[in-house]
Amino acid sequence: MTQERSPRSSPAAQERSPRSSPDEPAELIADAVLAVPGVAGLHGGMFGEVATYLPGKRVLGIALGEDSCAVHISVRYPAHVVETAERVRAALAPMLDVPVDVTVEDVLTERTAP
């Protein structure tokens, strides 16, 4: 029996929780993105529309398709936004054979971090 995580107040906070055993490509991608310095979390977009849907759950901030991968993140200030996005693309390059589009949705400070 799998245990489902309860939703939290922000998409970034929800995705910062480590997964016990990622077994789906979207989960592996999410873990790789969260390991990049400067990334505060994944972001589901204004309405939570950026996600990969899996049986019984979804991975917010990762929209994985056959021909592309969209990654939406929050960056932790004072990390440089463009450099952080480039590091995310570089981290995913060995994992994916499709273009990776990184969108920075938010910049979080210590005051605004979840």
Protein backbone atom coordinates (compact mmCIF):
# COMPACT_ATOMS: atom_id res chain seq x y z
CA MET A 1 0.00 0.00 0.00
CA THR A 2 1.45 3.36 -0.99
CA GLN A 3 1.18 6.37 1.21
CA GLU A 4 0.10 9.65 -0.35
CA ARG A 5 1.57 12.93 0.85
CA SER A 6 -0.84 15.55 2.06
CA PRO A 7 -0.82 18.82 0.10
CA ARG A 8 1.06 21.73 1.61
CA SER A 9 0.52 25.44 1.33
CA SER A 10 2.90 26.14 -1.55
CA PRO A 11 3.93 24.11 -4.61
CA ALA A 12 7.59 24.80 -3.84
CA ALA A 13 7.22 23.43 -0.30
CA GLN A 14 5.40 20.36 -1.55
CA GLU A 15 8.21 19.43 -3.90
CA ARG A 16 11.05 19.95 -1.42
CA SER A 17 10.16 16.75 0.41
CA PRO A 18 12.56 13.95 -0.56
CA ARG A 19 10.98 10.93 -2.16
CA SER A 20 11.80 7.59 -0.63
CA SER A 21 12.27 5.79 -3.95
CA PRO A 22 11.65 7.68 -7.16
CA ASP A 23 10.74 5.24 -9.87
CA GLU A 24 9.19 7.45 -12.50
CA PRO A 25 11.24 9.61 -14.91
CA ALA A 26 9.44 12.77 -13.75
CA GLU A 27 10.35 12.01 -10.13
CA LEU A 28 13.99 11.38 -11.06
CA ILE A 29 14.03 14.67 -12.94
CA ALA A 30 12.47 16.48 -9.98
CA ASP A 31 15.11 15.08 -7.63
CA ALA A 32 17.91 16.15 -9.99
CA VAL A 33 16.47 19.68 -10.25
CA LEU A 34 16.09 20.01 -6.48
CA ALA A 35 19.76 19.05 -6.05
CA VAL A 36 20.93 22.02 -8.17
CA PRO A 37 22.45 24.83 -6.06
CA GLY A 38 20.20 27.88 -6.03
CA VAL A 39 16.97 25.98 -6.66
CA ALA A 40 14.54 26.62 -3.80
CA GLY A 41 11.88 24.29 -5.16
CA LEU A 42 9.69 23.27 -8.04
CA HIS A 43 6.77 25.50 -8.96
CA GLY A 44 3.47 24.35 -10.42
CA GLY A 45 2.69 27.61 -12.20
CA MET A 46 -0.06 30.08 -11.39
CA PHE A 47 -2.79 27.45 -11.20
CA GLY A 48 -0.69 24.33 -10.61
CA GLU A 49 -0.99 23.50 -14.29
CA VAL A 50 2.68 22.59 -14.76
CA ALA A 51 2.84 18.96 -13.72
CA THR A 52 3.34 15.40 -14.81
CA TYR A 53 0.43 13.24 -13.79
CA LEU A 54 1.15 9.76 -12.50
CA PRO A 55 -1.20 7.13 -11.09
CA GLY A 56 -2.49 8.57 -7.82
CA LYS A 57 -0.14 11.56 -7.76
CA ARG A 58 1.46 14.34 -9.74
CA VAL A 59 4.89 15.88 -9.91
CA LEU A 60 4.46 19.65 -9.78
CA GLY A 61 6.88 21.80 -11.77
CA ILE A 62 7.80 19.10 -14.28
CA ALA A 63 5.89 18.75 -17.55
CA LEU A 64 7.48 15.81 -19.32
CA GLY A 65 6.38 15.11 -22.85
CA GLU A 66 7.63 12.95 -25.70
CA ASP A 67 9.34 15.89 -27.43
CA SER A 68 10.15 18.29 -24.60
CA CYS A 69 10.55 18.81 -20.89
CA ALA A 70 9.37 21.96 -19.11
CA VAL A 71 10.79 22.67 -15.66
CA HIS A 72 9.36 25.47 -13.52
CA ILE A 73 11.38 26.47 -10.47
CA SER A 74 11.72 28.94 -7.64
CA VAL A 75 15.23 30.29 -7.13
CA ARG A 76 16.67 31.08 -3.73
CA TYR A 77 18.06 34.63 -3.50
CA PRO A 78 20.94 35.59 -3.93
CA ALA A 79 21.48 32.87 -6.55
CA HIS A 80 21.78 34.25 -10.07
CA VAL A 81 18.58 33.41 -11.98
CA VAL A 82 20.08 32.76 -15.42
CA GLU A 83 23.02 30.76 -14.07
CA THR A 84 20.69 28.64 -11.95
CA ALA A 85 18.49 27.89 -14.97
CA GLU A 86 21.59 26.93 -16.97
CA ARG A 87 22.73 24.60 -14.16
CA VAL A 88 19.30 22.93 -14.20
CA ARG A 89 19.55 22.35 -17.97
CA ALA A 90 23.09 20.98 -17.56
CA ALA A 91 22.01 18.65 -14.75
CA LEU A 92 19.22 17.21 -16.91
CA ALA A 93 21.18 16.92 -20.17
CA PRO A 94 22.56 13.43 -19.37
CA MET A 95 19.09 12.21 -18.40
CA LEU A 96 17.03 13.46 -21.34
CA ASP A 97 17.15 13.34 -25.12
CA VAL A 98 14.68 16.22 -25.51
CA PRO A 99 15.04 20.00 -25.12
CA VAL A 100 14.61 21.30 -21.56
CA ASP A 101 12.80 24.60 -21.10
CA VAL A 102 13.45 26.12 -17.65
CA THR A 103 11.11 28.83 -16.35
CA VAL A 104 11.89 30.72 -13.17
CA GLU A 105 8.51 31.41 -11.58
CA ASP A 106 9.68 33.02 -8.35
CA VAL A 107 12.70 34.25 -6.40
CA LEU A 108 12.55 33.44 -2.71
CA THR A 109 14.38 35.13 0.14
CA GLU A 110 14.74 33.81 3.67
CA ARG A 111 11.55 35.70 4.52
CA THR A 112 9.52 34.24 1.65
CA ALA A 113 10.95 30.71 1.64
CA PRO A 114 8.49 28.00 2.66
